[in-house]
N, C-alpha and C. Protein backbone atom coordinates (compact mmCIF):
# COMPACT_ATOMS: atom_id res chain seq x y z
N MET A 1 -16.52 -3.53 -39.38
CA MET A 1 -16.35 -3.60 -37.92
C MET A 1 -16.08 -5.05 -37.50
N THR A 2 -15.02 -5.25 -36.73
CA THR A 2 -14.70 -6.60 -36.28
C THR A 2 -15.73 -7.05 -35.24
N PRO A 3 -15.88 -8.38 -35.07
CA PRO A 3 -16.86 -8.87 -34.09
C PRO A 3 -16.57 -8.34 -32.69
N MET A 4 -17.63 -8.09 -31.95
CA MET A 4 -17.48 -7.58 -30.58
C MET A 4 -17.16 -8.74 -29.64
N PRO A 5 -15.98 -8.75 -29.02
CA PRO A 5 -15.68 -9.83 -28.08
C PRO A 5 -16.49 -9.68 -26.79
N ASP A 6 -16.77 -10.80 -26.17
CA ASP A 6 -17.43 -10.81 -24.87
C ASP A 6 -16.36 -10.71 -23.80
N LEU A 7 -16.41 -9.67 -22.99
CA LEU A 7 -15.38 -9.46 -21.96
C LEU A 7 -15.62 -10.30 -20.71
N ALA A 8 -16.79 -10.95 -20.60
CA ALA A 8 -17.13 -11.66 -19.37
C ALA A 8 -16.14 -12.77 -19.01
N PRO A 9 -15.70 -13.63 -19.95
CA PRO A 9 -14.73 -14.65 -19.55
C PRO A 9 -13.45 -14.04 -18.96
N ALA A 10 -13.00 -12.94 -19.53
CA ALA A 10 -11.78 -12.30 -19.04
C ALA A 10 -12.00 -11.65 -17.68
N THR A 11 -13.17 -11.05 -17.46
CA THR A 11 -13.43 -10.42 -16.16
C THR A 11 -13.61 -11.47 -15.08
N ARG A 12 -14.28 -12.58 -15.42
CA ARG A 12 -14.45 -13.66 -14.44
C ARG A 12 -13.10 -14.27 -14.07
N ARG A 13 -12.25 -14.47 -15.07
CA ARG A 13 -10.93 -15.04 -14.80
C ARG A 13 -10.11 -14.09 -13.92
N MET A 14 -10.18 -12.80 -14.23
CA MET A 14 -9.45 -11.82 -13.42
C MET A 14 -9.92 -11.86 -11.97
N ALA A 15 -11.23 -11.91 -11.76
CA ALA A 15 -11.78 -11.95 -10.40
C ALA A 15 -11.30 -13.20 -9.66
N ALA A 16 -11.25 -14.33 -10.35
CA ALA A 16 -10.79 -15.57 -9.73
C ALA A 16 -9.31 -15.48 -9.37
N LEU A 17 -8.52 -14.87 -10.23
CA LEU A 17 -7.10 -14.69 -9.95
C LEU A 17 -6.90 -13.80 -8.73
N LEU A 18 -7.66 -12.71 -8.67
CA LEU A 18 -7.54 -11.80 -7.52
C LEU A 18 -7.89 -12.51 -6.22
N ALA A 19 -8.89 -13.40 -6.27
CA ALA A 19 -9.28 -14.15 -5.07
C ALA A 19 -8.16 -15.07 -4.60
N GLY A 20 -7.26 -15.43 -5.51
CA GLY A 20 -6.17 -16.32 -5.16
C GLY A 20 -4.90 -15.63 -4.72
N VAL A 21 -4.94 -14.31 -4.65
CA VAL A 21 -3.76 -13.53 -4.22
C VAL A 21 -3.79 -13.36 -2.70
N GLY A 22 -2.73 -13.78 -2.05
CA GLY A 22 -2.63 -13.61 -0.61
C GLY A 22 -2.09 -12.25 -0.24
N ASP A 23 -2.45 -11.75 0.94
CA ASP A 23 -1.97 -10.45 1.37
C ASP A 23 -0.44 -10.39 1.38
N SER A 24 0.21 -11.50 1.70
CA SER A 24 1.67 -11.53 1.77
C SER A 24 2.32 -11.44 0.39
N GLN A 25 1.52 -11.58 -0.67
CA GLN A 25 2.06 -11.54 -2.03
C GLN A 25 2.01 -10.15 -2.66
N LEU A 26 1.38 -9.20 -2.01
CA LEU A 26 1.17 -7.89 -2.63
C LEU A 26 2.46 -7.15 -2.93
N ASP A 27 3.54 -7.49 -2.23
CA ASP A 27 4.83 -6.85 -2.50
C ASP A 27 5.63 -7.58 -3.58
N GLN A 28 5.11 -8.71 -4.08
CA GLN A 28 5.83 -9.50 -5.08
C GLN A 28 6.01 -8.70 -6.37
N PRO A 29 7.12 -8.92 -7.08
CA PRO A 29 7.29 -8.30 -8.40
C PRO A 29 6.34 -8.93 -9.42
N THR A 30 6.13 -8.26 -10.51
CA THR A 30 5.29 -8.77 -11.61
C THR A 30 6.08 -8.65 -12.91
N PRO A 31 5.56 -9.24 -13.99
CA PRO A 31 6.23 -9.07 -15.29
C PRO A 31 6.26 -7.62 -15.77
N CYS A 32 5.45 -6.74 -15.17
CA CYS A 32 5.49 -5.31 -15.48
C CYS A 32 6.64 -4.70 -14.68
N ALA A 33 7.70 -4.32 -15.34
CA ALA A 33 8.91 -3.84 -14.68
C ALA A 33 8.61 -2.73 -13.68
N GLY A 34 9.11 -2.92 -12.45
CA GLY A 34 8.96 -1.90 -11.42
C GLY A 34 7.57 -1.81 -10.82
N THR A 35 6.72 -2.78 -11.11
CA THR A 35 5.34 -2.76 -10.61
C THR A 35 5.08 -3.96 -9.72
N SER A 36 4.76 -3.72 -8.47
CA SER A 36 4.45 -4.82 -7.55
C SER A 36 3.07 -5.37 -7.85
N LEU A 37 2.78 -6.52 -7.27
CA LEU A 37 1.47 -7.13 -7.46
C LEU A 37 0.37 -6.22 -6.90
N GLY A 38 0.61 -5.61 -5.75
CA GLY A 38 -0.36 -4.69 -5.18
C GLY A 38 -0.61 -3.49 -6.07
N ALA A 39 0.45 -2.96 -6.66
CA ALA A 39 0.31 -1.82 -7.57
C ALA A 39 -0.45 -2.21 -8.83
N LEU A 40 -0.20 -3.42 -9.33
CA LEU A 40 -0.90 -3.88 -10.52
C LEU A 40 -2.39 -4.07 -10.23
N ILE A 41 -2.72 -4.58 -9.05
CA ILE A 41 -4.13 -4.73 -8.68
C ILE A 41 -4.79 -3.36 -8.56
N ASP A 42 -4.06 -2.37 -8.07
CA ASP A 42 -4.59 -1.01 -8.04
C ASP A 42 -4.88 -0.52 -9.45
N HIS A 43 -3.99 -0.87 -10.39
CA HIS A 43 -4.20 -0.50 -11.79
C HIS A 43 -5.47 -1.16 -12.34
N VAL A 44 -5.66 -2.44 -12.02
CA VAL A 44 -6.87 -3.15 -12.46
C VAL A 44 -8.12 -2.51 -11.85
N ASN A 45 -8.01 -2.10 -10.60
CA ASN A 45 -9.11 -1.40 -9.94
C ASN A 45 -9.49 -0.15 -10.74
N GLY A 46 -8.50 0.63 -11.13
CA GLY A 46 -8.77 1.86 -11.88
C GLY A 46 -9.27 1.61 -13.29
N LEU A 47 -8.64 0.66 -13.98
CA LEU A 47 -9.06 0.43 -15.37
C LEU A 47 -10.45 -0.18 -15.45
N SER A 48 -10.86 -0.94 -14.41
CA SER A 48 -12.21 -1.50 -14.42
C SER A 48 -13.26 -0.39 -14.40
N LEU A 49 -12.95 0.69 -13.70
CA LEU A 49 -13.85 1.84 -13.69
C LEU A 49 -13.75 2.63 -15.00
N ALA A 50 -12.51 2.92 -15.41
CA ALA A 50 -12.30 3.77 -16.59
C ALA A 50 -12.96 3.18 -17.84
N PHE A 51 -12.86 1.86 -18.02
CA PHE A 51 -13.41 1.28 -19.23
C PHE A 51 -14.92 1.00 -19.12
N THR A 52 -15.44 0.97 -17.90
CA THR A 52 -16.90 0.94 -17.74
C THR A 52 -17.47 2.30 -18.13
N TRP A 53 -16.81 3.36 -17.69
CA TRP A 53 -17.23 4.71 -18.09
C TRP A 53 -17.11 4.88 -19.61
N ALA A 54 -16.05 4.32 -20.18
CA ALA A 54 -15.84 4.43 -21.63
C ALA A 54 -16.97 3.75 -22.39
N ALA A 55 -17.43 2.61 -21.88
CA ALA A 55 -18.51 1.88 -22.55
C ALA A 55 -19.82 2.66 -22.48
N SER A 56 -20.13 3.19 -21.30
CA SER A 56 -21.40 3.90 -21.11
C SER A 56 -21.34 5.34 -21.61
N LYS A 57 -20.09 5.82 -21.82
CA LYS A 57 -19.85 7.22 -22.21
C LYS A 57 -20.45 8.17 -21.18
N ASN A 58 -20.42 7.71 -19.94
CA ASN A 58 -20.92 8.49 -18.80
C ASN A 58 -19.76 8.64 -17.82
N PHE A 59 -19.16 9.83 -17.81
CA PHE A 59 -17.91 10.04 -17.08
C PHE A 59 -18.11 10.89 -15.83
N PRO A 60 -17.31 10.64 -14.80
CA PRO A 60 -17.35 11.51 -13.62
C PRO A 60 -16.81 12.89 -13.97
N GLU A 61 -17.17 13.86 -13.18
CA GLU A 61 -16.68 15.21 -13.43
C GLU A 61 -15.18 15.29 -13.17
N GLY A 62 -14.54 16.22 -13.86
CA GLY A 62 -13.10 16.40 -13.68
C GLY A 62 -12.34 15.80 -14.83
N PRO A 63 -11.03 16.11 -14.92
CA PRO A 63 -10.21 15.61 -16.02
C PRO A 63 -10.01 14.11 -15.96
N SER A 64 -9.95 13.50 -17.14
CA SER A 64 -9.71 12.05 -17.23
C SER A 64 -8.22 11.78 -17.12
N GLN A 65 -7.85 10.78 -16.34
CA GLN A 65 -6.45 10.44 -16.15
C GLN A 65 -6.26 8.94 -16.27
N PRO A 66 -5.04 8.52 -16.66
CA PRO A 66 -4.77 7.07 -16.72
C PRO A 66 -4.94 6.44 -15.35
N PRO A 67 -5.40 5.18 -15.28
CA PRO A 67 -5.50 4.50 -13.98
C PRO A 67 -4.13 4.44 -13.30
N SER A 68 -4.12 4.63 -12.00
CA SER A 68 -2.86 4.62 -11.26
C SER A 68 -2.36 3.19 -11.10
N ALA A 69 -1.12 3.06 -10.64
CA ALA A 69 -0.55 1.76 -10.32
C ALA A 69 0.27 1.97 -9.05
N ASP A 70 -0.44 2.10 -7.94
CA ASP A 70 0.18 2.45 -6.66
C ASP A 70 -0.45 1.58 -5.57
N ALA A 71 0.36 0.68 -5.02
CA ALA A 71 -0.17 -0.25 -4.01
C ALA A 71 -0.75 0.49 -2.81
N SER A 72 -0.20 1.66 -2.49
CA SER A 72 -0.71 2.41 -1.33
C SER A 72 -2.09 3.00 -1.59
N SER A 73 -2.49 3.05 -2.87
CA SER A 73 -3.82 3.57 -3.22
C SER A 73 -4.87 2.48 -3.32
N LEU A 74 -4.46 1.22 -3.16
CA LEU A 74 -5.41 0.12 -3.25
C LEU A 74 -6.42 0.22 -2.12
N PRO A 75 -7.73 0.27 -2.45
CA PRO A 75 -8.73 0.44 -1.39
C PRO A 75 -8.77 -0.78 -0.47
N PRO A 76 -9.05 -0.57 0.82
CA PRO A 76 -9.06 -1.69 1.78
C PRO A 76 -10.04 -2.80 1.39
N ASP A 77 -11.13 -2.44 0.72
CA ASP A 77 -12.14 -3.45 0.35
C ASP A 77 -11.96 -3.96 -1.08
N TRP A 78 -10.73 -3.93 -1.59
CA TRP A 78 -10.50 -4.28 -2.99
C TRP A 78 -10.95 -5.70 -3.33
N ARG A 79 -10.92 -6.60 -2.35
CA ARG A 79 -11.27 -8.00 -2.64
C ARG A 79 -12.76 -8.15 -3.02
N THR A 80 -13.60 -7.26 -2.54
CA THR A 80 -15.01 -7.28 -2.95
C THR A 80 -15.30 -6.23 -4.02
N ARG A 81 -14.65 -5.08 -3.89
CA ARG A 81 -14.95 -3.98 -4.81
C ARG A 81 -14.51 -4.28 -6.24
N VAL A 82 -13.30 -4.75 -6.43
CA VAL A 82 -12.80 -4.94 -7.80
C VAL A 82 -13.59 -6.00 -8.56
N PRO A 83 -13.89 -7.17 -7.98
CA PRO A 83 -14.73 -8.12 -8.72
C PRO A 83 -16.09 -7.56 -9.11
N GLU A 84 -16.69 -6.76 -8.24
CA GLU A 84 -17.98 -6.13 -8.57
C GLU A 84 -17.81 -5.19 -9.76
N GLN A 85 -16.71 -4.43 -9.76
CA GLN A 85 -16.45 -3.50 -10.87
C GLN A 85 -16.17 -4.26 -12.16
N LEU A 86 -15.53 -5.41 -12.05
CA LEU A 86 -15.26 -6.22 -13.24
C LEU A 86 -16.57 -6.75 -13.83
N ASP A 87 -17.51 -7.16 -12.97
CA ASP A 87 -18.82 -7.59 -13.45
C ASP A 87 -19.52 -6.46 -14.20
N ALA A 88 -19.45 -5.26 -13.64
CA ALA A 88 -20.07 -4.09 -14.27
C ALA A 88 -19.41 -3.77 -15.61
N LEU A 89 -18.10 -3.97 -15.67
CA LEU A 89 -17.36 -3.72 -16.91
C LEU A 89 -17.84 -4.64 -18.02
N ALA A 90 -17.92 -5.94 -17.72
CA ALA A 90 -18.39 -6.90 -18.73
C ALA A 90 -19.80 -6.57 -19.19
N ALA A 91 -20.67 -6.21 -18.24
CA ALA A 91 -22.05 -5.89 -18.58
C ALA A 91 -22.13 -4.66 -19.48
N ALA A 92 -21.30 -3.65 -19.18
CA ALA A 92 -21.33 -2.41 -19.95
C ALA A 92 -20.95 -2.64 -21.41
N TRP A 93 -20.02 -3.55 -21.66
CA TRP A 93 -19.56 -3.78 -23.04
C TRP A 93 -20.44 -4.77 -23.80
N ARG A 94 -21.49 -5.28 -23.14
CA ARG A 94 -22.47 -6.09 -23.88
C ARG A 94 -23.42 -5.21 -24.69
N ALA A 95 -23.49 -3.93 -24.37
CA ALA A 95 -24.37 -3.01 -25.09
C ALA A 95 -23.75 -2.65 -26.43
N PRO A 96 -24.46 -2.88 -27.55
CA PRO A 96 -23.90 -2.54 -28.86
C PRO A 96 -23.44 -1.09 -28.96
N ASP A 97 -24.15 -0.17 -28.29
CA ASP A 97 -23.79 1.24 -28.34
C ASP A 97 -22.40 1.51 -27.78
N ALA A 98 -21.93 0.64 -26.88
CA ALA A 98 -20.61 0.84 -26.28
C ALA A 98 -19.52 0.84 -27.34
N TRP A 99 -19.74 0.07 -28.40
CA TRP A 99 -18.72 -0.12 -29.44
C TRP A 99 -18.82 0.92 -30.55
N GLN A 100 -19.76 1.84 -30.43
CA GLN A 100 -20.00 2.81 -31.50
C GLN A 100 -19.62 4.22 -31.05
N GLY A 101 -19.34 5.08 -32.03
CA GLY A 101 -19.02 6.47 -31.74
C GLY A 101 -17.67 6.63 -31.05
N MET A 102 -17.44 7.81 -30.52
CA MET A 102 -16.20 8.12 -29.82
C MET A 102 -16.41 8.05 -28.31
N THR A 103 -15.33 7.77 -27.60
CA THR A 103 -15.36 7.76 -26.15
C THR A 103 -13.99 8.19 -25.63
N ALA A 104 -13.72 7.94 -24.37
CA ALA A 104 -12.42 8.30 -23.78
C ALA A 104 -12.08 7.31 -22.68
N ALA A 105 -10.79 7.07 -22.51
CA ALA A 105 -10.30 6.22 -21.43
C ALA A 105 -8.88 6.64 -21.09
N GLY A 106 -8.62 6.82 -19.80
CA GLY A 106 -7.27 7.16 -19.38
C GLY A 106 -6.74 8.45 -19.96
N GLY A 107 -7.63 9.41 -20.17
CA GLY A 107 -7.19 10.70 -20.69
C GLY A 107 -7.01 10.73 -22.20
N VAL A 108 -7.43 9.68 -22.90
CA VAL A 108 -7.26 9.58 -24.36
C VAL A 108 -8.63 9.42 -25.02
N ASP A 109 -8.89 10.25 -26.04
CA ASP A 109 -10.11 10.09 -26.84
C ASP A 109 -9.86 9.02 -27.90
N LEU A 110 -10.80 8.10 -28.05
CA LEU A 110 -10.64 7.03 -29.03
C LEU A 110 -11.99 6.45 -29.41
N PRO A 111 -12.08 5.77 -30.56
CA PRO A 111 -13.36 5.17 -30.96
C PRO A 111 -13.79 4.10 -29.96
N GLY A 112 -15.09 3.96 -29.79
CA GLY A 112 -15.61 2.97 -28.85
C GLY A 112 -15.13 1.57 -29.16
N GLU A 113 -15.08 1.21 -30.45
CA GLU A 113 -14.64 -0.13 -30.83
C GLU A 113 -13.20 -0.38 -30.36
N GLN A 114 -12.36 0.63 -30.55
CA GLN A 114 -10.96 0.49 -30.12
C GLN A 114 -10.86 0.39 -28.59
N ALA A 115 -11.66 1.19 -27.90
CA ALA A 115 -11.64 1.16 -26.43
C ALA A 115 -12.04 -0.22 -25.90
N GLY A 116 -13.03 -0.84 -26.54
CA GLY A 116 -13.45 -2.17 -26.12
C GLY A 116 -12.34 -3.20 -26.29
N HIS A 117 -11.59 -3.09 -27.39
CA HIS A 117 -10.48 -4.02 -27.61
C HIS A 117 -9.32 -3.74 -26.66
N VAL A 118 -9.10 -2.46 -26.34
CA VAL A 118 -8.06 -2.14 -25.34
C VAL A 118 -8.44 -2.75 -24.00
N ALA A 119 -9.71 -2.62 -23.61
CA ALA A 119 -10.17 -3.19 -22.34
C ALA A 119 -9.96 -4.70 -22.31
N MET A 120 -10.31 -5.36 -23.40
CA MET A 120 -10.13 -6.82 -23.49
C MET A 120 -8.65 -7.17 -23.34
N ASN A 121 -7.80 -6.45 -24.04
CA ASN A 121 -6.37 -6.73 -23.99
C ASN A 121 -5.80 -6.48 -22.60
N GLU A 122 -6.25 -5.41 -21.96
CA GLU A 122 -5.78 -5.11 -20.60
C GLU A 122 -6.14 -6.25 -19.64
N LEU A 123 -7.35 -6.75 -19.77
CA LEU A 123 -7.80 -7.84 -18.89
C LEU A 123 -7.00 -9.11 -19.12
N VAL A 124 -6.78 -9.44 -20.39
CA VAL A 124 -6.08 -10.68 -20.73
C VAL A 124 -4.61 -10.61 -20.34
N VAL A 125 -3.95 -9.52 -20.70
CA VAL A 125 -2.51 -9.42 -20.45
C VAL A 125 -2.22 -9.22 -18.96
N HIS A 126 -2.98 -8.34 -18.30
CA HIS A 126 -2.75 -8.15 -16.87
C HIS A 126 -3.19 -9.38 -16.07
N GLY A 127 -4.15 -10.13 -16.60
CA GLY A 127 -4.50 -11.39 -15.97
C GLY A 127 -3.31 -12.34 -15.98
N TRP A 128 -2.61 -12.38 -17.12
CA TRP A 128 -1.40 -13.21 -17.22
C TRP A 128 -0.35 -12.70 -16.23
N ASP A 129 -0.18 -11.38 -16.16
CA ASP A 129 0.78 -10.79 -15.21
C ASP A 129 0.50 -11.27 -13.79
N ILE A 130 -0.77 -11.18 -13.40
CA ILE A 130 -1.15 -11.52 -12.02
C ILE A 130 -0.99 -13.02 -11.78
N SER A 131 -1.32 -13.82 -12.78
CA SER A 131 -1.17 -15.27 -12.61
C SER A 131 0.30 -15.63 -12.41
N ARG A 132 1.19 -15.03 -13.19
CA ARG A 132 2.61 -15.33 -13.06
C ARG A 132 3.16 -14.81 -11.73
N ALA A 133 2.77 -13.61 -11.34
CA ALA A 133 3.30 -13.02 -10.11
C ALA A 133 2.83 -13.77 -8.87
N SER A 134 1.62 -14.35 -8.94
CA SER A 134 1.05 -15.02 -7.77
C SER A 134 1.17 -16.54 -7.84
N GLY A 135 1.77 -17.05 -8.93
CA GLY A 135 1.97 -18.49 -9.04
C GLY A 135 0.71 -19.28 -9.31
N GLN A 136 -0.26 -18.66 -9.98
CA GLN A 136 -1.52 -19.34 -10.30
C GLN A 136 -1.55 -19.74 -11.78
N PRO A 137 -2.28 -20.83 -12.10
CA PRO A 137 -2.41 -21.21 -13.51
C PRO A 137 -3.23 -20.18 -14.28
N TYR A 138 -3.04 -20.15 -15.58
CA TYR A 138 -3.75 -19.18 -16.42
C TYR A 138 -4.46 -19.94 -17.54
N ASP A 139 -5.74 -20.16 -17.37
CA ASP A 139 -6.55 -20.89 -18.35
C ASP A 139 -7.35 -19.90 -19.18
N ILE A 140 -7.00 -19.79 -20.46
CA ILE A 140 -7.64 -18.80 -21.32
C ILE A 140 -8.06 -19.45 -22.62
N GLY A 141 -9.19 -18.99 -23.16
CA GLY A 141 -9.71 -19.53 -24.41
C GLY A 141 -8.94 -19.02 -25.62
N GLU A 142 -8.80 -19.86 -26.62
CA GLU A 142 -8.10 -19.48 -27.84
C GLU A 142 -8.77 -18.28 -28.52
N ASP A 143 -10.12 -18.20 -28.41
CA ASP A 143 -10.82 -17.10 -29.07
C ASP A 143 -10.43 -15.75 -28.44
N GLU A 144 -10.21 -15.74 -27.14
CA GLU A 144 -9.79 -14.51 -26.49
C GLU A 144 -8.39 -14.09 -26.94
N ILE A 145 -7.50 -15.08 -27.02
CA ILE A 145 -6.13 -14.78 -27.47
C ILE A 145 -6.16 -14.23 -28.89
N GLU A 146 -6.94 -14.87 -29.76
CA GLU A 146 -7.00 -14.43 -31.16
C GLU A 146 -7.58 -13.02 -31.26
N ALA A 147 -8.60 -12.72 -30.43
CA ALA A 147 -9.19 -11.37 -30.44
C ALA A 147 -8.14 -10.33 -30.05
N CYS A 148 -7.32 -10.66 -29.06
CA CYS A 148 -6.27 -9.73 -28.63
C CYS A 148 -5.18 -9.60 -29.68
N LEU A 149 -4.78 -10.73 -30.28
CA LEU A 149 -3.75 -10.69 -31.32
C LEU A 149 -4.20 -9.84 -32.51
N ALA A 150 -5.48 -9.95 -32.85
CA ALA A 150 -6.01 -9.18 -33.99
C ALA A 150 -5.94 -7.68 -33.72
N PHE A 151 -5.99 -7.31 -32.45
CA PHE A 151 -5.89 -5.90 -32.08
C PHE A 151 -4.44 -5.47 -31.90
N VAL A 152 -3.65 -6.30 -31.22
CA VAL A 152 -2.28 -5.92 -30.85
C VAL A 152 -1.32 -5.99 -32.04
N ALA A 153 -1.42 -7.05 -32.84
CA ALA A 153 -0.44 -7.26 -33.91
C ALA A 153 -0.31 -6.06 -34.86
N PRO A 154 -1.43 -5.48 -35.37
CA PRO A 154 -1.29 -4.32 -36.25
C PRO A 154 -0.64 -3.12 -35.55
N ALA A 155 -0.96 -2.93 -34.27
CA ALA A 155 -0.37 -1.80 -33.54
C ALA A 155 1.13 -1.99 -33.37
N VAL A 156 1.55 -3.23 -33.08
CA VAL A 156 2.97 -3.52 -32.93
C VAL A 156 3.69 -3.36 -34.26
N GLU A 157 3.06 -3.85 -35.32
CA GLU A 157 3.67 -3.73 -36.65
C GLU A 157 3.84 -2.27 -37.04
N GLN A 158 2.82 -1.47 -36.73
CA GLN A 158 2.88 -0.05 -37.07
C GLN A 158 3.97 0.67 -36.29
N SER A 159 4.24 0.20 -35.07
CA SER A 159 5.26 0.83 -34.24
C SER A 159 6.66 0.32 -34.55
N GLY A 160 6.74 -0.67 -35.44
CA GLY A 160 8.03 -1.28 -35.73
C GLY A 160 8.56 -2.12 -34.57
N GLY A 161 7.64 -2.57 -33.72
CA GLY A 161 8.03 -3.38 -32.57
C GLY A 161 8.60 -2.58 -31.43
N LYS A 162 8.50 -1.25 -31.52
CA LYS A 162 9.09 -0.39 -30.49
C LYS A 162 8.15 -0.08 -29.33
N GLY A 163 6.96 -0.65 -29.39
CA GLY A 163 6.00 -0.41 -28.32
C GLY A 163 5.01 0.68 -28.65
N VAL A 164 3.95 0.73 -27.89
CA VAL A 164 2.91 1.73 -28.08
C VAL A 164 2.78 2.49 -26.76
N PRO A 165 3.15 3.78 -26.74
CA PRO A 165 3.11 4.55 -25.49
C PRO A 165 1.76 4.46 -24.80
N GLY A 166 1.79 4.16 -23.50
CA GLY A 166 0.56 4.07 -22.73
C GLY A 166 -0.10 2.71 -22.78
N LEU A 167 0.37 1.84 -23.70
CA LEU A 167 -0.22 0.51 -23.79
C LEU A 167 0.79 -0.59 -23.47
N PHE A 168 1.90 -0.62 -24.22
CA PHE A 168 2.88 -1.65 -23.92
C PHE A 168 4.27 -1.27 -24.42
N ASP A 169 5.28 -1.96 -23.86
CA ASP A 169 6.68 -1.70 -24.17
C ASP A 169 7.09 -2.39 -25.47
N ALA A 170 8.35 -2.22 -25.85
CA ALA A 170 8.87 -2.83 -27.07
C ALA A 170 8.69 -4.34 -27.04
N ALA A 171 8.38 -4.90 -28.19
CA ALA A 171 8.13 -6.34 -28.30
C ALA A 171 9.38 -7.15 -27.96
N VAL A 172 9.14 -8.34 -27.41
CA VAL A 172 10.20 -9.29 -27.08
C VAL A 172 10.21 -10.38 -28.15
N ASP A 173 11.40 -10.77 -28.59
CA ASP A 173 11.49 -11.82 -29.62
C ASP A 173 11.12 -13.18 -29.05
N VAL A 174 10.33 -13.92 -29.81
CA VAL A 174 9.99 -15.31 -29.48
C VAL A 174 10.09 -16.13 -30.76
N PRO A 175 10.25 -17.46 -30.65
CA PRO A 175 10.31 -18.30 -31.85
C PRO A 175 9.04 -18.16 -32.69
N GLU A 176 9.18 -18.36 -34.00
CA GLU A 176 8.03 -18.23 -34.89
C GLU A 176 6.92 -19.22 -34.57
N ASP A 177 7.32 -20.38 -34.00
CA ASP A 177 6.32 -21.40 -33.68
C ASP A 177 5.85 -21.33 -32.23
N ALA A 178 6.08 -20.17 -31.57
CA ALA A 178 5.64 -20.00 -30.18
C ALA A 178 4.12 -20.07 -30.10
N PRO A 179 3.58 -20.57 -28.99
CA PRO A 179 2.12 -20.62 -28.83
C PRO A 179 1.50 -19.22 -28.94
N PRO A 180 0.23 -19.13 -29.35
CA PRO A 180 -0.41 -17.82 -29.52
C PRO A 180 -0.33 -16.94 -28.27
N LEU A 181 -0.54 -17.51 -27.07
CA LEU A 181 -0.48 -16.69 -25.86
C LEU A 181 0.92 -16.12 -25.66
N ASP A 182 1.95 -16.93 -25.91
CA ASP A 182 3.32 -16.44 -25.78
C ASP A 182 3.58 -15.30 -26.78
N ARG A 183 3.06 -15.45 -27.99
CA ARG A 183 3.25 -14.39 -28.99
C ARG A 183 2.58 -13.10 -28.55
N LEU A 184 1.37 -13.22 -28.01
CA LEU A 184 0.66 -12.03 -27.52
C LEU A 184 1.44 -11.36 -26.39
N ILE A 185 1.87 -12.16 -25.41
CA ILE A 185 2.59 -11.62 -24.27
C ILE A 185 3.87 -10.94 -24.72
N ALA A 186 4.58 -11.56 -25.67
CA ALA A 186 5.83 -10.98 -26.17
C ALA A 186 5.58 -9.67 -26.92
N MET A 187 4.48 -9.61 -27.67
CA MET A 187 4.16 -8.38 -28.40
C MET A 187 3.93 -7.21 -27.47
N THR A 188 3.46 -7.51 -26.25
CA THR A 188 3.17 -6.44 -25.29
C THR A 188 4.37 -6.10 -24.41
N GLY A 189 5.55 -6.61 -24.81
CA GLY A 189 6.78 -6.22 -24.12
C GLY A 189 7.14 -7.05 -22.91
N ARG A 190 6.59 -8.25 -22.83
CA ARG A 190 6.86 -9.12 -21.69
C ARG A 190 7.58 -10.39 -22.15
N ASP A 191 8.36 -10.96 -21.24
CA ASP A 191 9.04 -12.23 -21.49
C ASP A 191 8.08 -13.37 -21.13
N PRO A 192 7.61 -14.17 -22.11
CA PRO A 192 6.66 -15.23 -21.78
C PRO A 192 7.19 -16.26 -20.78
N SER A 193 8.51 -16.33 -20.61
CA SER A 193 9.07 -17.31 -19.67
C SER A 193 9.22 -16.75 -18.25
N TRP A 194 8.74 -15.49 -18.04
CA TRP A 194 8.89 -14.85 -16.72
C TRP A 194 8.15 -15.66 -15.65
N THR A 195 8.82 -15.87 -14.54
CA THR A 195 8.17 -16.49 -13.38
C THR A 195 8.60 -15.74 -12.12
N ALA A 196 7.75 -15.80 -11.10
CA ALA A 196 8.08 -15.15 -9.83
C ALA A 196 9.21 -15.94 -9.17
N LYS A 197 10.21 -15.24 -8.70
CA LYS A 197 11.31 -15.89 -8.01
C LYS A 197 10.88 -16.27 -6.60
N ARG A 198 11.05 -17.51 -6.26
CA ARG A 198 10.66 -17.99 -4.95
C ARG A 198 11.87 -17.97 -4.01
N GLY A 199 11.65 -17.49 -2.79
CA GLY A 199 12.74 -17.40 -1.83
C GLY A 199 13.08 -18.75 -1.25
């Protein structure tokens, strides 16, 4: 079993990025094709709940579905609600039991260890998306990048670089000497040089 990453740095960074998003920016495009910043924040809202449930293996009644990405579904109190949910997410994955046995997230059954790594990757990559879309800096630890690369690289290799349905699109080519964060971003189907176009 690979070491359990601490999700708290990624959740704290995500909360700080969300605090820096202005209401006028919610219609901005993001590196996720066809997804506005508001829609991506709605997705983060949903995944923060889904992966907390996955950690605790305590699910709401009804069928499990992937988190939505719809700006019109973003709750009015998202600026307070989502950071609170992110705190709960990090706390839930500190429990060793979260990483053991089987669980489910987004309508998919998967091992707890894999779900924890998916949650980490979602936070790191979507954090980058939000930072680029909103014009904020993205300060991330090398250990977090390496933890994500250790999870993403084998999946990308297994797919032949064609992407993993439900997780990320086909990989983008980058130079062999590209920084680790650029390599991670490219593996998840994004252009590391993407920036928000300013009017």
